[in-house]
Amino acid sequence: MPKTTPEDIINLGFTSPMFKQATDEIFKQFIGFVISEQAPLLEGRLGATAYNSLSSPTKNYVKRAELCLAAAELVQRRINIILGNVVGAGHEIDVSHEGAQKKVYLDEANALIEKITAGITSDSADFASGVLVTNHFVPSTDTE
């Protein structure tokens, strides 16, 4: 069962006119379809145990990864709509901003998927170390 809701996607700023949807209700159904496509793909990449995890932060990573994958798919569909509106040759449309946004979503999703599959439960990937200094000399008890 998907972790992401249509409301989560709408909160990212996606709107029905972007996808030529007549009503907000139809738009929510459209988003639900996209989410239902992405959820099993993510579950397949993670495995059912990780996907259905109830422990934090894994469950939060899963939800965010699913949200990002659905958003990336929606951006791709938006690009397709924009390119479909081009009339005739020589009418180039720049979709580089949309492509960059799609990449941001995919990069975030992939980073979260790596964390989940590696079992990382911290947002920090920094190196930490400590040093212990010892010697083999025994302190003298001589008090000359």
N, C-alpha and C. Protein backbone atom coordinates (compact mmCIF):
# COMPACT_ATOMS: atom_id res chain seq x y z
N MET A 1 0.83 -1.18 0.00
CA MET A 1 0.00 0.00 0.00
C MET A 1 0.88 1.25 0.00
N PRO A 2 0.61 2.20 -0.87
CA PRO A 2 1.44 3.41 -0.96
C PRO A 2 1.49 4.19 0.34
N LYS A 3 2.63 4.81 0.56
CA LYS A 3 2.83 5.65 1.75
C LYS A 3 2.48 7.10 1.46
N THR A 4 2.49 7.47 0.19
CA THR A 4 2.26 8.85 -0.24
C THR A 4 0.80 9.03 -0.62
N THR A 5 0.28 10.21 -0.34
CA THR A 5 -1.10 10.53 -0.69
C THR A 5 -1.12 11.62 -1.76
N PRO A 6 -2.23 11.76 -2.48
CA PRO A 6 -2.35 12.88 -3.42
C PRO A 6 -2.12 14.24 -2.75
N GLU A 7 -2.54 14.38 -1.52
CA GLU A 7 -2.35 15.64 -0.80
C GLU A 7 -0.86 15.94 -0.61
N ASP A 8 -0.06 14.90 -0.38
CA ASP A 8 1.39 15.09 -0.26
C ASP A 8 1.96 15.69 -1.54
N ILE A 9 1.50 15.18 -2.67
CA ILE A 9 1.96 15.67 -3.98
C ILE A 9 1.48 17.11 -4.20
N ILE A 10 0.24 17.37 -3.89
CA ILE A 10 -0.31 18.73 -4.05
C ILE A 10 0.48 19.71 -3.18
N ASN A 11 0.89 19.27 -2.00
CA ASN A 11 1.68 20.13 -1.11
C ASN A 11 3.06 20.47 -1.68
N LEU A 12 3.52 19.70 -2.65
CA LEU A 12 4.78 20.02 -3.34
C LEU A 12 4.59 21.14 -4.36
N GLY A 13 3.34 21.48 -4.66
CA GLY A 13 3.08 22.57 -5.59
C GLY A 13 2.50 22.15 -6.93
N PHE A 14 2.22 20.88 -7.11
CA PHE A 14 1.60 20.42 -8.35
C PHE A 14 0.13 20.83 -8.35
N THR A 15 -0.35 21.29 -9.51
CA THR A 15 -1.74 21.74 -9.63
C THR A 15 -2.41 21.08 -10.82
N SER A 16 -3.73 21.04 -10.80
CA SER A 16 -4.48 20.39 -11.88
C SER A 16 -4.27 21.05 -13.24
N PRO A 17 -4.18 22.40 -13.35
CA PRO A 17 -3.95 22.98 -14.68
C PRO A 17 -2.61 22.56 -15.32
N MET A 18 -1.62 22.23 -14.50
CA MET A 18 -0.33 21.79 -15.04
C MET A 18 -0.47 20.53 -15.88
N PHE A 19 -1.50 19.74 -15.58
CA PHE A 19 -1.68 18.45 -16.25
C PHE A 19 -2.98 18.39 -17.04
N LYS A 20 -3.57 19.56 -17.26
CA LYS A 20 -4.80 19.69 -18.05
C LYS A 20 -5.93 18.83 -17.49
N GLN A 21 -6.02 18.80 -16.17
CA GLN A 21 -7.09 18.06 -15.51
C GLN A 21 -8.25 19.01 -15.25
N ALA A 22 -9.46 18.58 -15.56
CA ALA A 22 -10.64 19.45 -15.50
C ALA A 22 -11.00 19.88 -14.08
N THR A 23 -10.88 18.96 -13.14
CA THR A 23 -11.25 19.29 -11.76
C THR A 23 -10.17 18.80 -10.80
N ASP A 24 -10.21 19.33 -9.59
CA ASP A 24 -9.25 18.89 -8.58
C ASP A 24 -9.47 17.42 -8.21
N GLU A 25 -10.71 16.97 -8.25
CA GLU A 25 -11.01 15.57 -7.93
C GLU A 25 -10.41 14.62 -8.97
N ILE A 26 -10.54 14.98 -10.23
CA ILE A 26 -9.93 14.17 -11.31
C ILE A 26 -8.41 14.21 -11.17
N PHE A 27 -7.88 15.37 -10.80
CA PHE A 27 -6.43 15.51 -10.60
C PHE A 27 -5.96 14.60 -9.47
N LYS A 28 -6.69 14.53 -8.38
CA LYS A 28 -6.31 13.64 -7.27
C LYS A 28 -6.33 12.18 -7.70
N GLN A 29 -7.28 11.81 -8.55
CA GLN A 29 -7.32 10.44 -9.08
C GLN A 29 -6.10 10.18 -9.97
N PHE A 30 -5.74 11.16 -10.78
CA PHE A 30 -4.56 11.07 -11.64
C PHE A 30 -3.30 10.88 -10.80
N ILE A 31 -3.16 11.69 -9.76
CA ILE A 31 -2.01 11.57 -8.86
C ILE A 31 -2.01 10.20 -8.19
N GLY A 32 -3.18 9.75 -7.75
CA GLY A 32 -3.28 8.43 -7.12
C GLY A 32 -2.80 7.32 -8.04
N PHE A 33 -3.10 7.45 -9.33
CA PHE A 33 -2.65 6.46 -10.31
C PHE A 33 -1.12 6.47 -10.41
N VAL A 34 -0.54 7.67 -10.46
CA VAL A 34 0.93 7.77 -10.55
C VAL A 34 1.57 7.19 -9.29
N ILE A 35 1.03 7.50 -8.14
CA ILE A 35 1.56 6.95 -6.89
C ILE A 35 1.45 5.43 -6.88
N SER A 36 0.31 4.92 -7.34
CA SER A 36 0.12 3.46 -7.34
C SER A 36 1.04 2.76 -8.33
N GLU A 37 1.55 3.48 -9.32
CA GLU A 37 2.58 2.93 -10.21
C GLU A 37 3.94 2.90 -9.53
N GLN A 38 4.27 3.95 -8.81
CA GLN A 38 5.60 4.09 -8.22
C GLN A 38 5.78 3.25 -6.96
N ALA A 39 4.73 3.07 -6.17
CA ALA A 39 4.84 2.34 -4.90
C ALA A 39 5.39 0.92 -5.07
N PRO A 40 4.83 0.10 -5.98
CA PRO A 40 5.38 -1.26 -6.11
C PRO A 40 6.79 -1.28 -6.70
N LEU A 41 7.12 -0.29 -7.50
CA LEU A 41 8.48 -0.22 -8.03
C LEU A 41 9.47 0.03 -6.90
N LEU A 42 9.11 0.94 -5.99
CA LEU A 42 9.97 1.21 -4.84
C LEU A 42 10.04 0.00 -3.93
N GLU A 43 8.91 -0.64 -3.68
CA GLU A 43 8.90 -1.84 -2.84
C GLU A 43 9.78 -2.92 -3.44
N GLY A 44 9.77 -3.04 -4.76
CA GLY A 44 10.63 -4.02 -5.42
C GLY A 44 12.10 -3.72 -5.26
N ARG A 45 12.45 -2.44 -5.23
CA ARG A 45 13.85 -2.06 -5.05
C ARG A 45 14.31 -2.25 -3.61
N LEU A 46 13.41 -2.02 -2.66
CA LEU A 46 13.78 -2.08 -1.25
C LEU A 46 13.57 -3.45 -0.62
N GLY A 47 12.58 -4.18 -1.12
CA GLY A 47 12.14 -5.40 -0.46
C GLY A 47 10.97 -5.05 0.45
N ALA A 48 10.08 -6.00 0.63
CA ALA A 48 8.85 -5.76 1.40
C ALA A 48 9.12 -5.38 2.84
N THR A 49 10.13 -5.98 3.45
CA THR A 49 10.42 -5.70 4.86
C THR A 49 10.80 -4.24 5.06
N ALA A 50 11.72 -3.75 4.26
CA ALA A 50 12.14 -2.34 4.40
C ALA A 50 11.01 -1.40 4.01
N TYR A 51 10.29 -1.73 2.93
CA TYR A 51 9.21 -0.87 2.46
C TYR A 51 8.12 -0.72 3.52
N ASN A 52 7.82 -1.79 4.22
CA ASN A 52 6.75 -1.77 5.22
C ASN A 52 7.25 -1.52 6.63
N SER A 53 8.48 -1.06 6.77
CA SER A 53 9.06 -0.81 8.09
C SER A 53 8.22 0.20 8.87
N LEU A 54 8.09 -0.05 10.15
CA LEU A 54 7.36 0.85 11.03
C LEU A 54 8.29 1.66 11.91
N SER A 55 9.59 1.41 11.78
CA SER A 55 10.54 2.11 12.65
C SER A 55 11.07 3.37 11.97
N SER A 56 11.24 4.38 12.81
CA SER A 56 11.83 5.64 12.32
C SER A 56 13.34 5.48 12.35
N PRO A 57 14.08 6.06 11.48
CA PRO A 57 13.68 6.93 10.39
C PRO A 57 13.37 6.19 9.09
N THR A 58 13.49 4.86 9.09
CA THR A 58 13.30 4.10 7.84
C THR A 58 11.94 4.39 7.22
N LYS A 59 10.88 4.37 8.01
CA LYS A 59 9.55 4.61 7.44
C LYS A 59 9.46 6.01 6.83
N ASN A 60 10.15 6.98 7.44
CA ASN A 60 10.16 8.35 6.89
C ASN A 60 10.95 8.41 5.59
N TYR A 61 12.07 7.68 5.54
CA TYR A 61 12.86 7.62 4.31
C TYR A 61 12.05 7.00 3.18
N VAL A 62 11.32 5.92 3.49
CA VAL A 62 10.52 5.24 2.47
C VAL A 62 9.45 6.18 1.93
N LYS A 63 8.76 6.86 2.82
CA LYS A 63 7.70 7.77 2.37
C LYS A 63 8.27 8.88 1.51
N ARG A 64 9.38 9.47 1.93
CA ARG A 64 9.97 10.57 1.16
C ARG A 64 10.49 10.07 -0.18
N ALA A 65 11.11 8.89 -0.21
CA ALA A 65 11.59 8.33 -1.48
C ALA A 65 10.43 8.10 -2.43
N GLU A 66 9.34 7.56 -1.93
CA GLU A 66 8.16 7.33 -2.76
C GLU A 66 7.59 8.66 -3.27
N LEU A 67 7.55 9.65 -2.41
CA LEU A 67 7.07 10.98 -2.81
C LEU A 67 7.95 11.56 -3.91
N CYS A 68 9.26 11.43 -3.77
CA CYS A 68 10.18 11.96 -4.78
C CYS A 68 10.06 11.22 -6.10
N LEU A 69 9.89 9.91 -6.05
CA LEU A 69 9.73 9.14 -7.29
C LEU A 69 8.44 9.51 -8.01
N ALA A 70 7.36 9.68 -7.25
CA ALA A 70 6.09 10.10 -7.86
C ALA A 70 6.21 11.50 -8.43
N ALA A 71 6.88 12.39 -7.71
CA ALA A 71 7.06 13.76 -8.20
C ALA A 71 7.90 13.78 -9.47
N ALA A 72 8.95 12.97 -9.53
CA ALA A 72 9.78 12.89 -10.73
C ALA A 72 8.96 12.40 -11.92
N GLU A 73 8.11 11.42 -11.69
CA GLU A 73 7.24 10.92 -12.76
C GLU A 73 6.26 12.00 -13.21
N LEU A 74 5.72 12.75 -12.27
CA LEU A 74 4.81 13.84 -12.63
C LEU A 74 5.52 14.93 -13.43
N VAL A 75 6.75 15.25 -13.05
CA VAL A 75 7.52 16.24 -13.81
C VAL A 75 7.75 15.73 -15.23
N GLN A 76 8.07 14.44 -15.39
CA GLN A 76 8.25 13.88 -16.73
C GLN A 76 6.97 13.98 -17.54
N ARG A 77 5.85 13.70 -16.91
CA ARG A 77 4.56 13.82 -17.62
C ARG A 77 4.28 15.27 -17.98
N ARG A 78 4.68 16.19 -17.12
CA ARG A 78 4.53 17.62 -17.43
C ARG A 78 5.39 17.99 -18.63
N ILE A 79 6.60 17.49 -18.68
CA ILE A 79 7.48 17.73 -19.84
C ILE A 79 6.82 17.20 -21.10
N ASN A 80 6.24 16.01 -21.03
CA ASN A 80 5.56 15.44 -22.20
C ASN A 80 4.40 16.32 -22.66
N ILE A 81 3.66 16.88 -21.72
CA ILE A 81 2.55 17.78 -22.08
C ILE A 81 3.09 19.03 -22.75
N ILE A 82 4.13 19.61 -22.18
CA ILE A 82 4.72 20.82 -22.76
C ILE A 82 5.20 20.54 -24.17
N LEU A 83 5.94 19.45 -24.35
CA LEU A 83 6.47 19.12 -25.68
C LEU A 83 5.35 18.76 -26.65
N GLY A 84 4.26 18.21 -26.15
CA GLY A 84 3.12 17.88 -27.00
C GLY A 84 2.39 19.10 -27.51
N ASN A 85 2.62 20.23 -26.88
CA ASN A 85 1.97 21.47 -27.31
C ASN A 85 2.76 22.24 -28.36
N VAL A 86 3.94 21.74 -28.71
CA VAL A 86 4.76 22.41 -29.72
C VAL A 86 4.09 22.22 -31.07
N VAL A 87 3.89 23.33 -31.76
CA VAL A 87 3.22 23.28 -33.06
C VAL A 87 4.26 23.55 -34.15
N GLY A 88 4.48 22.54 -34.98
CA GLY A 88 5.37 22.70 -36.12
C GLY A 88 6.85 22.72 -35.77
N ALA A 89 7.64 22.53 -36.80
CA ALA A 89 9.09 22.52 -36.64
C ALA A 89 9.59 23.95 -36.42
N GLY A 90 10.70 24.06 -35.74
CA GLY A 90 11.30 25.36 -35.50
C GLY A 90 10.75 26.07 -34.27
N HIS A 91 9.82 25.47 -33.59
CA HIS A 91 9.26 26.05 -32.38
C HIS A 91 9.80 25.29 -31.18
N GLU A 92 11.03 25.58 -30.84
CA GLU A 92 11.66 24.87 -29.73
C GLU A 92 11.17 25.41 -28.39
N ILE A 93 11.01 24.52 -27.46
CA ILE A 93 10.61 24.90 -26.11
C ILE A 93 11.68 24.39 -25.15
N ASP A 94 12.08 25.27 -24.26
CA ASP A 94 13.11 24.91 -23.28
C ASP A 94 12.47 24.24 -22.07
N VAL A 95 12.77 22.98 -21.87
CA VAL A 95 12.26 22.25 -20.71
C VAL A 95 13.41 21.87 -19.77
N SER A 96 14.52 22.61 -19.88
CA SER A 96 15.68 22.29 -19.05
C SER A 96 15.40 22.49 -17.56
N HIS A 97 14.58 23.47 -17.22
CA HIS A 97 14.25 23.69 -15.80
C HIS A 97 13.44 22.52 -15.25
N GLU A 98 12.52 22.04 -16.06
CA GLU A 98 11.73 20.88 -15.63
C GLU A 98 12.61 19.64 -15.51
N GLY A 99 13.53 19.48 -16.47
CA GLY A 99 14.46 18.36 -16.42
C GLY A 99 15.35 18.42 -15.19
N ALA A 100 15.79 19.62 -14.83
CA ALA A 100 16.62 19.79 -13.64
C ALA A 100 15.83 19.45 -12.38
N GLN A 101 14.55 19.86 -12.35
CA GLN A 101 13.71 19.55 -11.19
C GLN A 101 13.49 18.04 -11.06
N LYS A 102 13.29 17.39 -12.19
CA LYS A 102 13.12 15.93 -12.18
C LYS A 102 14.38 15.27 -11.61
N LYS A 103 15.54 15.76 -12.02
CA LYS A 103 16.81 15.20 -11.54
C LYS A 103 16.95 15.38 -10.02
N VAL A 104 16.54 16.53 -9.52
CA VAL A 104 16.61 16.78 -8.07
C VAL A 104 15.77 15.74 -7.32
N TYR A 105 14.55 15.51 -7.81
CA TYR A 105 13.68 14.51 -7.17
C TYR A 105 14.30 13.11 -7.24
N LEU A 106 14.81 12.75 -8.41
CA LEU A 106 15.40 11.41 -8.56
C LEU A 106 16.65 11.24 -7.71
N ASP A 107 17.48 12.28 -7.65
CA ASP A 107 18.69 12.20 -6.83
C ASP A 107 18.35 12.02 -5.35
N GLU A 108 17.35 12.76 -4.88
CA GLU A 108 16.95 12.62 -3.48
C GLU A 108 16.38 11.22 -3.22
N ALA A 109 15.55 10.75 -4.12
CA ALA A 109 14.97 9.40 -3.97
C ALA A 109 16.07 8.35 -3.93
N ASN A 110 17.03 8.44 -4.85
CA ASN A 110 18.10 7.45 -4.90
C ASN A 110 18.99 7.51 -3.67
N ALA A 111 19.24 8.71 -3.14
CA ALA A 111 20.04 8.83 -1.92
C ALA A 111 19.31 8.18 -0.74
N LEU A 112 18.01 8.37 -0.67
CA LEU A 112 17.23 7.74 0.40
C LEU A 112 17.19 6.22 0.24
N ILE A 113 17.04 5.76 -0.98
CA ILE A 113 17.03 4.32 -1.25
C ILE A 113 18.36 3.70 -0.84
N GLU A 114 19.46 4.39 -1.12
CA GLU A 114 20.78 3.89 -0.70
C GLU A 114 20.86 3.79 0.82
N LYS A 115 20.36 4.81 1.52
CA LYS A 115 20.37 4.78 2.98
C LYS A 115 19.56 3.59 3.50
N ILE A 116 18.39 3.40 2.93
CA ILE A 116 17.50 2.33 3.39
C ILE A 116 18.15 0.97 3.16
N THR A 117 18.67 0.75 1.95
CA THR A 117 19.25 -0.56 1.64
C THR A 117 20.55 -0.81 2.39
N ALA A 118 21.26 0.27 2.75
CA ALA A 118 22.50 0.11 3.50
C ALA A 118 22.23 -0.01 5.00
N GLY A 119 20.99 0.24 5.41
CA GLY A 119 20.66 0.15 6.82
C GLY A 119 21.11 1.35 7.62
N ILE A 120 21.34 2.47 6.96
CA ILE A 120 21.78 3.68 7.66
C ILE A 120 20.57 4.32 8.31
N THR A 121 20.66 4.56 9.60
CA THR A 121 19.53 5.14 10.32
C THR A 121 19.86 6.51 10.88
N SER A 122 20.83 7.16 10.27
CA SER A 122 21.21 8.50 10.71
C SER A 122 21.32 9.39 9.49
N ASP A 123 21.06 10.67 9.67
CA ASP A 123 21.21 11.60 8.57
C ASP A 123 22.65 12.04 8.40
N SER A 124 23.52 11.65 9.29
CA SER A 124 24.91 12.05 9.22
C SER A 124 25.74 10.95 8.59
N ALA A 125 26.57 11.34 7.65
CA ALA A 125 27.49 10.38 7.04
C ALA A 125 28.92 10.81 7.32
N ASP A 126 29.10 11.69 8.31
CA ASP A 126 30.42 12.20 8.61
C ASP A 126 31.25 11.16 9.35
N PHE A 127 32.56 11.32 9.24
CA PHE A 127 33.49 10.43 9.91
C PHE A 127 33.72 10.94 11.33
N ALA A 128 33.75 10.04 12.27
CA ALA A 128 34.06 10.41 13.65
C ALA A 128 35.11 9.43 14.16
N SER A 129 36.03 9.95 14.95
CA SER A 129 37.05 9.06 15.51
C SER A 129 37.47 9.59 16.87
N GLY A 130 38.23 8.79 17.55
CA GLY A 130 38.79 9.18 18.83
C GLY A 130 40.21 8.64 18.93
N VAL A 131 40.99 9.20 19.83
CA VAL A 131 42.37 8.77 19.99
C VAL A 131 42.60 8.45 21.46
N LEU A 132 43.25 7.35 21.70
CA LEU A 132 43.62 6.95 23.05
C LEU A 132 45.13 6.82 23.07
N VAL A 133 45.77 7.55 23.95
CA VAL A 133 47.23 7.51 24.04
C VAL A 133 47.60 6.73 25.30
N THR A 134 48.44 5.74 25.12
CA THR A 134 48.91 4.94 26.26
C THR A 134 50.42 4.79 26.16
N ASN A 135 51.03 4.37 27.24
CA ASN A 135 52.45 4.03 27.19
C ASN A 135 52.68 2.82 28.08
N HIS A 136 53.84 2.26 27.96
CA HIS A 136 54.14 1.05 28.72
C HIS A 136 54.96 1.35 29.97
N PHE A 137 55.18 2.59 30.26
CA PHE A 137 55.96 2.94 31.44
C PHE A 137 55.07 2.94 32.68
N VAL A 138 55.61 2.34 33.72
CA VAL A 138 54.90 2.30 34.99
C VAL A 138 55.40 3.48 35.82
N PRO A 139 54.51 4.24 36.38
CA PRO A 139 54.97 5.38 37.18
C PRO A 139 55.85 4.90 38.35
N SER A 140 56.86 5.63 38.59
CA SER A 140 57.79 5.28 39.67
C SER A 140 57.17 5.64 41.02
N THR A 141 57.39 4.77 41.97
CA THR A 141 56.92 5.05 43.33
C THR A 141 58.09 5.45 44.21
N ASP A 142 59.27 5.62 43.61
CA ASP A 142 60.48 6.03 44.31
C ASP A 142 60.37 7.49 44.73
N THR A 143 60.67 7.77 45.93
CA THR A 143 60.67 9.16 46.39
C THR A 143 62.02 9.49 46.98
N GLU A 144 63.02 9.55 46.26
CA GLU A 144 64.37 9.79 46.75
C GLU A 144 64.55 11.10 47.34
